[in-house]
Amino acid sequence: MILITVFVMPVFMAVNKFEDHKFYVSLTQVEYVKEDQSLQIISRLFLDDFEDALKEFSGEAVRISSESDDTTHDRLIENYLRSKLKFEIDGKKAQWNFVGKAIDNDMLVAYIEITQLKKIKTIVITNEILFEMFEEQQNIVRTQINNQKKSFILISQDRSKVLNF
């Protein structure tokens, strides 16, 4: 019995330690498609964290599933993202279109587009998604603009990044 306690307990404690630790991260991909003159944006967020943020944002409990095609949820998702995800292109605030959402396992995938962009010299990306929920939140942004790939991480103390091309 002592041998089991000596060998099994440390393993059990290590496994439990990993279960208690949670990562707070999102991934936003930003790609300029010259042929379409558009900036195509895909944001991936953990669904449970995002639902908690929507509850705080709207004051109502929200459960999003792949079966639900509720336009009320879409409007709420769009309004939340508009308040947290902003783009400035060549010195002008860019208005983006919410194209839609999908559920991929435990992730919410949001599709956004900015149209009528002939070229991009400078872009300021602000991503404040989930910062109000988690101090440790990290928003990874990967861009592909004018055949240049750039990546960076935004945190609550550093919410925007300027990129020049």
Protein backbone atom coordinates (compact mmCIF):
# COMPACT_ATOMS: atom_id res chain seq x y z
CA MET A 1 0.00 0.00 0.00
CA ILE A 2 2.84 2.38 0.79
CA LEU A 3 4.38 1.68 -2.63
CA ILE A 4 1.10 2.59 -4.35
CA THR A 5 0.86 5.80 -2.36
CA VAL A 6 4.47 6.76 -3.10
CA PHE A 7 4.24 6.13 -6.85
CA VAL A 8 0.59 6.81 -7.73
CA MET A 9 -0.08 9.95 -5.70
CA PRO A 10 2.56 12.13 -7.43
CA VAL A 11 1.21 11.07 -10.84
CA PHE A 12 -2.40 11.78 -9.76
CA MET A 13 -1.41 15.19 -8.37
CA ALA A 14 0.41 16.09 -11.59
CA VAL A 15 -2.62 15.15 -13.71
CA ASN A 16 -4.95 17.16 -11.48
CA LYS A 17 -2.62 20.13 -11.65
CA PHE A 18 -2.93 20.20 -15.45
CA GLU A 19 -6.72 19.90 -15.29
CA ASP A 20 -6.95 22.97 -13.05
CA HIS A 21 -4.78 25.07 -15.34
CA LYS A 22 -6.57 26.66 -18.27
CA PHE A 23 -5.17 28.57 -21.21
CA TYR A 24 -6.89 31.77 -22.30
CA VAL A 25 -6.07 32.29 -25.94
CA SER A 26 -7.72 33.20 -29.23
CA LEU A 27 -6.40 33.05 -32.77
CA THR A 28 -7.28 35.62 -35.41
CA GLN A 29 -6.10 35.16 -38.99
CA VAL A 30 -6.07 38.21 -41.25
CA GLU A 31 -5.47 37.73 -44.97
CA TYR A 32 -5.55 40.31 -47.77
CA VAL A 33 -6.91 38.81 -50.99
CA LYS A 34 -5.82 41.21 -53.70
CA GLU A 35 -8.02 39.64 -56.42
CA ASP A 36 -11.12 40.22 -54.28
CA GLN A 37 -9.83 43.52 -52.86
CA SER A 38 -10.81 42.27 -49.43
CA LEU A 39 -9.39 41.57 -46.02
CA GLN A 40 -10.68 38.21 -44.82
CA ILE A 41 -10.61 37.64 -41.07
CA ILE A 42 -11.22 34.42 -39.16
CA SER A 43 -11.29 34.44 -35.35
CA ARG A 44 -11.23 31.23 -33.32
CA LEU A 45 -12.33 31.37 -29.69
CA PHE A 46 -13.01 28.76 -27.04
CA LEU A 47 -16.79 28.45 -27.03
CA ASP A 48 -17.29 28.24 -23.26
CA ASP A 49 -15.20 31.34 -22.61
CA PHE A 50 -16.94 33.22 -25.40
CA GLU A 51 -20.40 32.29 -24.09
CA ASP A 52 -19.37 33.62 -20.66
CA ALA A 53 -18.23 36.88 -22.28
CA LEU A 54 -21.52 37.17 -24.19
CA LYS A 55 -23.41 36.66 -20.93
CA GLU A 56 -21.48 39.49 -19.31
CA PHE A 57 -21.86 41.66 -22.43
CA SER A 58 -25.62 41.13 -22.82
CA GLY A 59 -26.73 40.23 -19.31
CA GLU A 60 -28.34 37.03 -20.60
CA ALA A 61 -27.12 33.42 -20.60
CA VAL A 62 -26.17 32.32 -24.11
CA ARG A 63 -25.63 28.78 -25.39
CA ILE A 64 -24.40 28.51 -28.96
CA SER A 65 -24.49 25.18 -30.77
CA SER A 66 -23.91 24.02 -34.31
CA GLU A 67 -27.62 23.15 -34.56
CA SER A 68 -28.78 26.62 -33.62
CA ASP A 69 -29.10 29.01 -36.53
CA ASP A 70 -30.42 31.80 -34.37
CA THR A 71 -30.06 35.27 -35.88
CA THR A 72 -30.34 36.69 -32.35
CA HIS A 73 -27.10 34.92 -31.46
CA ASP A 74 -25.49 36.15 -34.68
CA ARG A 75 -26.40 39.76 -33.86
CA LEU A 76 -25.08 39.38 -30.33
CA ILE A 77 -21.84 37.82 -31.56
CA GLU A 78 -21.45 40.58 -34.14
CA ASN A 79 -22.11 43.35 -31.59
CA TYR A 80 -19.61 41.89 -29.13
CA LEU A 81 -16.95 41.48 -31.82
CA ARG A 82 -17.54 45.04 -33.12
CA SER A 83 -16.83 46.36 -29.63
CA LYS A 84 -13.58 44.36 -29.34
CA LEU A 85 -12.09 43.89 -32.83
CA LYS A 86 -11.13 47.00 -34.77
CA PHE A 87 -9.09 47.76 -37.87
CA GLU A 88 -7.61 50.99 -39.19
CA ILE A 89 -6.28 50.82 -42.73
CA ASP A 90 -4.06 53.56 -44.13
CA GLY A 91 -5.22 55.99 -41.44
CA LYS A 92 -8.97 55.30 -41.82
CA LYS A 93 -11.22 53.27 -39.54
CA ALA A 94 -12.38 50.23 -41.46
CA GLN A 95 -15.96 48.99 -41.28
CA TRP A 96 -16.17 45.23 -41.41
CA ASN A 97 -18.96 42.83 -42.31
CA PHE A 98 -19.89 39.87 -40.13
CA VAL A 99 -20.11 37.01 -42.61
CA GLY A 100 -21.13 34.30 -40.16
CA LYS A 101 -20.07 31.76 -37.57
CA ALA A 102 -19.40 28.06 -37.25
CA ILE A 103 -18.78 25.67 -34.37
CA ASP A 104 -15.70 23.46 -34.66
CA ASN A 105 -15.59 21.07 -31.70
CA ASP A 106 -15.19 23.40 -28.69
CA MET A 107 -14.33 26.46 -30.78
CA LEU A 108 -16.44 29.29 -32.15
CA VAL A 109 -15.18 30.35 -35.56
CA ALA A 110 -16.24 33.85 -36.64
CA TYR A 111 -15.90 35.03 -40.24
CA ILE A 112 -15.44 38.74 -40.97
CA GLU A 113 -14.60 40.68 -44.12
CA ILE A 114 -13.54 44.18 -45.08
CA THR A 115 -14.20 44.93 -48.75
CA GLN A 116 -13.17 47.49 -51.36
CA LEU A 117 -9.50 47.60 -50.42
CA LYS A 118 -7.30 48.28 -53.44
CA LYS A 119 -4.12 48.12 -51.39
CA ILE A 120 -2.86 48.20 -47.82
CA LYS A 121 0.21 50.15 -46.75
CA THR A 122 -0.47 50.34 -43.01
CA ILE A 123 -2.90 48.49 -40.77
CA VAL A 124 -3.63 48.93 -37.08
CA ILE A 125 -5.23 45.85 -35.55
CA THR A 126 -6.92 46.11 -32.15
CA ASN A 127 -8.09 42.86 -30.60
CA GLU A 128 -9.59 43.14 -27.10
CA ILE A 129 -11.58 39.90 -27.25
CA LEU A 130 -12.07 38.36 -23.78
CA PHE A 131 -9.75 40.83 -22.01
CA GLU A 132 -12.64 41.79 -19.73
CA MET A 133 -12.97 38.14 -18.70
CA PHE A 134 -9.42 36.90 -18.16
CA GLU A 135 -6.34 38.84 -17.12
CA GLU A 136 -4.19 36.12 -18.71
CA GLN A 137 -5.98 36.32 -22.08
CA GLN A 138 -3.67 36.29 -25.10
CA ASN A 139 -4.93 37.06 -28.58
CA ILE A 140 -2.66 35.66 -31.26
CA VAL A 141 -2.90 37.44 -34.60
CA ARG A 142 -1.45 36.02 -37.81
CA THR A 143 -1.48 38.17 -40.93
CA GLN A 144 -0.75 37.63 -44.59
CA ILE A 145 -0.85 40.97 -46.35
CA ASN A 146 0.94 41.92 -49.58
CA ASN A 147 2.72 38.54 -49.61
CA GLN A 148 4.20 39.21 -46.16
CA LYS A 149 3.42 37.02 -43.17
CA LYS A 150 3.54 38.53 -39.70
CA SER A 151 2.44 37.20 -36.31
CA PHE A 152 2.10 38.79 -32.90
CA ILE A 153 0.37 38.38 -29.54
CA LEU A 154 -1.87 41.02 -28.00
CA ILE A 155 -2.41 41.12 -24.23
CA SER A 156 -4.55 43.35 -22.03
CA GLN A 157 -1.64 45.78 -21.53
CA ASP A 158 -0.87 45.87 -25.28
CA ARG A 159 -4.12 45.66 -27.26
CA SER A 160 -3.10 47.03 -30.68
CA LYS A 161 -0.36 46.54 -33.23
CA VAL A 162 0.70 48.72 -36.17
CA LEU A 163 1.96 46.90 -39.26
CA ASN A 164 3.60 48.59 -42.24
CA PHE A 165 3.92 47.02 -45.69
